[in-house]
Amino acid sequence: MEVNGILKLKMETTQVSDKFKKREFILTIDATSPYPQHVNFQLTQDKTSLIDNFNVGEELKVSFNLRGREWQSPQGEVKYFNTIDAWRIEKAGAAQSNNNAQASNTAMPQNTSAPVFNSTAADDDLPF
């Protein structure tokens, strides 16, 4: 999945356990609507540095996976948790520029000359 938005906040990397680290950032989507959404994304392990080269206020395109899990407490209560795991981040304008460049490279060549018909009335055997 992909979404475009404006980088609102980026947090520091947190070492959760000996083998797991994560970093969160907030992306504002639908910023021009009356109800903008501030979405919490997570980067894990070797991907925690992906956000380093971006500044708050920049428009980004984020590719992500939506994850969900179930947890049961010792008392038997069941809760559900969602995470949004980002795996690629790029400037929104750069993504559009790349798409435009690819489209122009694969565009059909345009023939600007008019079609030529080499037919005379005597050669035409159509009944109408």
C-alpha atoms as a PDB file:
ATOM      1  CA  MET A   1       0.000   0.000   0.000  1.00  0.00           C
ATOM      2  CA  GLU A   2       1.073   3.582  -0.524  1.00  0.00           C
ATOM      3  CA  VAL A   3       0.052   6.960   0.831  1.00  0.00           C
ATOM      4  CA  ASN A   4       1.189  10.558   0.363  1.00  0.00           C
ATOM      5  CA  GLY A   5       1.345  12.977   3.254  1.00  0.00           C
ATOM      6  CA  ILE A   6       3.345  15.594   5.097  1.00  0.00           C
ATOM      7  CA  LEU A   7       5.926  14.546   7.675  1.00  0.00           C
ATOM      8  CA  LYS A   8       4.725  15.962  10.989  1.00  0.00           C
ATOM      9  CA  LEU A   9       7.073  14.328  13.501  1.00  0.00           C
ATOM     10  CA  LYS A  10       9.844  11.764  13.668  1.00  0.00           C
ATOM     11  CA  MET A  11      10.873  10.066  16.869  1.00  0.00           C
ATOM     12  CA  GLU A  12      14.161   8.547  17.966  1.00  0.00           C
ATOM     13  CA  THR A  13      14.955   4.854  17.514  1.00  0.00           C
ATOM     14  CA  THR A  14      13.898   2.703  20.466  1.00  0.00           C
ATOM     15  CA  GLN A  15      15.661  -0.554  21.343  1.00  0.00           C
ATOM     16  CA  VAL A  16      12.690  -2.722  22.384  1.00  0.00           C
ATOM     17  CA  SER A  17      14.708  -5.888  23.099  1.00  0.00           C
ATOM     18  CA  ASP A  18      18.151  -7.320  22.370  1.00  0.00           C
ATOM     19  CA  LYS A  19      17.045  -8.283  18.870  1.00  0.00           C
ATOM     20  CA  PHE A  20      14.359  -5.720  18.023  1.00  0.00           C
ATOM     21  CA  LYS A  21      14.438  -1.966  17.463  1.00  0.00           C
ATOM     22  CA  LYS A  22      11.842   0.404  16.045  1.00  0.00           C
ATOM     23  CA  ARG A  23      11.338   4.034  15.117  1.00  0.00           C
ATOM     24  CA  GLU A  24       8.043   5.837  14.673  1.00  0.00           C
ATOM     25  CA  PHE A  25       7.050   8.857  12.620  1.00  0.00           C
ATOM     26  CA  ILE A  26       3.802  10.742  12.083  1.00  0.00           C
ATOM     27  CA  LEU A  27       2.487  11.501   8.603  1.00  0.00           C
ATOM     28  CA  THR A  28      -0.390  13.939   8.104  1.00  0.00           C
ATOM     29  CA  ILE A  29      -2.650  12.782   5.302  1.00  0.00           C
ATOM     30  CA  ASP A  30      -5.608  14.705   3.876  1.00  0.00           C
ATOM     31  CA  ALA A  31      -3.928  17.859   5.172  1.00  0.00           C
ATOM     32  CA  THR A  32      -6.165  20.181   3.155  1.00  0.00           C
ATOM     33  CA  SER A  33      -9.417  18.593   4.320  1.00  0.00           C
ATOM     34  CA  PRO A  34     -11.331  19.876   7.350  1.00  0.00           C
ATOM     35  CA  TYR A  35     -10.354  16.645   9.137  1.00  0.00           C
ATOM     36  CA  PRO A  36      -6.665  15.892   8.496  1.00  0.00           C
ATOM     37  CA  GLN A  37      -5.458  12.494   9.697  1.00  0.00           C
ATOM     38  CA  HIS A  38      -2.223  12.088  11.674  1.00  0.00           C
ATOM     39  CA  VAL A  39      -1.082   8.513  11.098  1.00  0.00           C
ATOM     40  CA  ASN A  40       1.611   6.765  13.161  1.00  0.00           C
ATOM     41  CA  PHE A  41       4.004   4.686  11.014  1.00  0.00           C
ATOM     42  CA  GLN A  42       6.661   2.309  12.309  1.00  0.00           C
ATOM     43  CA  LEU A  43      10.099   1.473  10.911  1.00  0.00           C
ATOM     44  CA  THR A  44      11.826  -1.648  12.249  1.00  0.00           C
ATOM     45  CA  GLN A  45      15.300  -3.147  12.403  1.00  0.00           C
ATOM     46  CA  ASP A  46      17.554  -1.998   9.522  1.00  0.00           C
ATOM     47  CA  LYS A  47      14.810   0.295   8.145  1.00  0.00           C
ATOM     48  CA  THR A  48      14.905   2.694  11.137  1.00  0.00           C
ATOM     49  CA  SER A  49      17.264   5.028   9.264  1.00  0.00           C
ATOM     50  CA  LEU A  50      14.966   5.459   6.231  1.00  0.00           C
ATOM     51  CA  ILE A  51      13.442   8.634   7.711  1.00  0.00           C
ATOM     52  CA  ASP A  52      16.817  10.285   8.480  1.00  0.00           C
ATOM     53  CA  ASN A  53      17.104  12.181   5.181  1.00  0.00           C
ATOM     54  CA  PHE A  54      13.667  13.807   5.404  1.00  0.00           C
ATOM     55  CA  ASN A  55      12.645  16.949   7.274  1.00  0.00           C
ATOM     56  CA  VAL A  56       9.444  17.832   9.082  1.00  0.00           C
ATOM     57  CA  GLY A  57       7.093  19.572   6.638  1.00  0.00           C
ATOM     58  CA  GLU A  58       8.191  17.649   3.547  1.00  0.00           C
ATOM     59  CA  GLU A  59       5.613  15.837   1.436  1.00  0.00           C
ATOM     60  CA  LEU A  60       6.442  12.136   1.294  1.00  0.00           C
ATOM     61  CA  LYS A  61       5.231   8.994  -0.397  1.00  0.00           C
ATOM     62  CA  VAL A  62       5.313   6.070   2.035  1.00  0.00           C
ATOM     63  CA  SER A  63       4.988   2.408   1.037  1.00  0.00           C
ATOM     64  CA  PHE A  64       3.796   0.246   3.907  1.00  0.00           C
ATOM     65  CA  ASN A  65       2.274  -3.020   5.110  1.00  0.00           C
ATOM     66  CA  LEU A  66      -0.736  -3.060   7.419  1.00  0.00           C
ATOM     67  CA  ARG A  67      -0.338  -5.576  10.240  1.00  0.00           C
ATOM     68  CA  GLY A  68      -2.688  -6.760  12.975  1.00  0.00           C
ATOM     69  CA  ARG A  69      -2.389  -9.145  15.880  1.00  0.00           C
ATOM     70  CA  GLU A  70      -4.411 -10.571  18.716  1.00  0.00           C
ATOM     71  CA  TRP A  71      -3.286 -10.518  22.361  1.00  0.00           C
ATOM     72  CA  GLN A  72      -4.880 -12.276  25.308  1.00  0.00           C
ATOM     73  CA  SER A  73      -4.263 -10.945  28.807  1.00  0.00           C
ATOM     74  CA  PRO A  74      -3.635 -13.291  31.767  1.00  0.00           C
ATOM     75  CA  GLN A  75      -7.224 -12.519  32.856  1.00  0.00           C
ATOM     76  CA  GLY A  76      -8.529 -13.812  29.514  1.00  0.00           C
ATOM     77  CA  GLU A  77      -9.391 -10.450  27.960  1.00  0.00           C
ATOM     78  CA  VAL A  78      -8.640 -10.336  24.209  1.00  0.00           C
ATOM     79  CA  LYS A  79      -7.315  -7.166  22.553  1.00  0.00           C
ATOM     80  CA  TYR A  80      -6.359  -6.399  18.962  1.00  0.00           C
ATOM     81  CA  PHE A  81      -3.445  -4.220  17.875  1.00  0.00           C
ATOM     82  CA  ASN A  82      -2.575  -2.754  14.494  1.00  0.00           C
ATOM     83  CA  THR A  83       0.755  -1.536  13.186  1.00  0.00           C
ATOM     84  CA  ILE A  84       1.582   0.260   9.976  1.00  0.00           C
ATOM     85  CA  ASP A  85       5.056  -0.927   8.923  1.00  0.00           C
ATOM     86  CA  ALA A  86       6.736   1.423   6.455  1.00  0.00           C
ATOM     87  CA  TRP A  87       9.315  -0.159   4.163  1.00  0.00           C
ATOM     88  CA  ARG A  88      10.034   2.616   1.637  1.00  0.00           C
ATOM     89  CA  ILE A  89       9.979   6.408   1.915  1.00  0.00           C
ATOM     90  CA  GLU A  90      10.555   8.911  -0.878  1.00  0.00           C
ATOM     91  CA  LYS A  91       9.736  12.538  -1.627  1.00  0.00           C
ATOM     92  CA  ALA A  92       6.301  12.763  -3.220  1.00  0.00           C
ATOM     93  CA  GLY A  93       7.543  14.973  -6.070  1.00  0.00           C
ATOM     94  CA  ALA A  94      10.417  12.582  -6.827  1.00  0.00           C
ATOM     95  CA  ALA A  95       7.999   9.683  -7.168  1.00  0.00           C
ATOM     96  CA  GLN A  96       5.876  11.659  -9.623  1.00  0.00           C
ATOM     97  CA  SER A  97       8.952  12.744 -11.601  1.00  0.00           C
ATOM     98  CA  ASN A  98      10.103   9.133 -11.881  1.00  0.00           C
ATOM     99  CA  ASN A  99       6.648   8.033 -13.047  1.00  0.00           C
ATOM    100  CA  ASN A 100       6.537  10.840 -15.635  1.00  0.00           C
ATOM    101  CA  ALA A 101      10.009   9.935 -16.900  1.00  0.00           C
ATOM    102  CA  GLN A 102       9.022   6.291 -17.222  1.00  0.00           C
ATOM    103  CA  ALA A 103       5.814   7.238 -19.014  1.00  0.00           C
ATOM    104  CA  SER A 104       7.685   9.441 -21.487  1.00  0.00           C
ATOM    105  CA  ASN A 105      10.228   6.677 -22.136  1.00  0.00           C
ATOM    106  CA  THR A 106       7.503   4.161 -22.929  1.00  0.00           C
ATOM    107  CA  ALA A 107       5.186   6.492 -24.827  1.00  0.00           C
ATOM    108  CA  MET A 108       4.101   5.491 -28.309  1.00  0.00           C
ATOM    109  CA  PRO A 109       5.818   7.492 -31.049  1.00  0.00           C
ATOM    110  CA  GLN A 110       3.413   9.955 -32.560  1.00  0.00           C
ATOM    111  CA  ASN A 111       3.041  10.222 -36.306  1.00  0.00           C
ATOM    112  CA  THR A 112       2.053  13.776 -37.175  1.00  0.00           C
ATOM    113  CA  SER A 113       1.556  13.188 -40.902  1.00  0.00           C
ATOM    114  CA  ALA A 114      -1.878  12.420 -42.314  1.00  0.00           C
ATOM    115  CA  PRO A 115      -2.570   8.890 -43.589  1.00  0.00           C
ATOM    116  CA  VAL A 116      -2.056   8.328 -47.297  1.00  0.00           C
ATOM    117  CA  PHE A 117      -4.569   6.301 -49.344  1.00  0.00           C
ATOM    118  CA  ASN A 118      -3.411   5.073 -52.730  1.00  0.00           C
ATOM    119  CA  SER A 119      -6.758   4.082 -54.099  1.00  0.00           C
ATOM    120  CA  THR A 120      -8.667   5.304 -57.123  1.00  0.00           C
ATOM    121  CA  ALA A 121     -12.361   5.039 -57.844  1.00  0.00           C
ATOM    122  CA  ALA A 122     -11.667   2.311 -60.455  1.00  0.00           C
ATOM    123  CA  ASP A 123      -9.921   0.130 -57.850  1.00  0.00           C
ATOM    124  CA  ASP A 124     -12.792   0.460 -55.413  1.00  0.00           C
ATOM    125  CA  ASP A 125     -15.055  -2.620 -55.617  1.00  0.00           C
ATOM    126  CA  LEU A 126     -17.232  -1.828 -52.600  1.00  0.00           C
ATOM    127  CA  PRO A 127     -20.954  -1.710 -53.403  1.00  0.00           C
ATOM    128  CA  PHE A 128     -21.583   1.616 -51.686  1.00  0.00           C
END
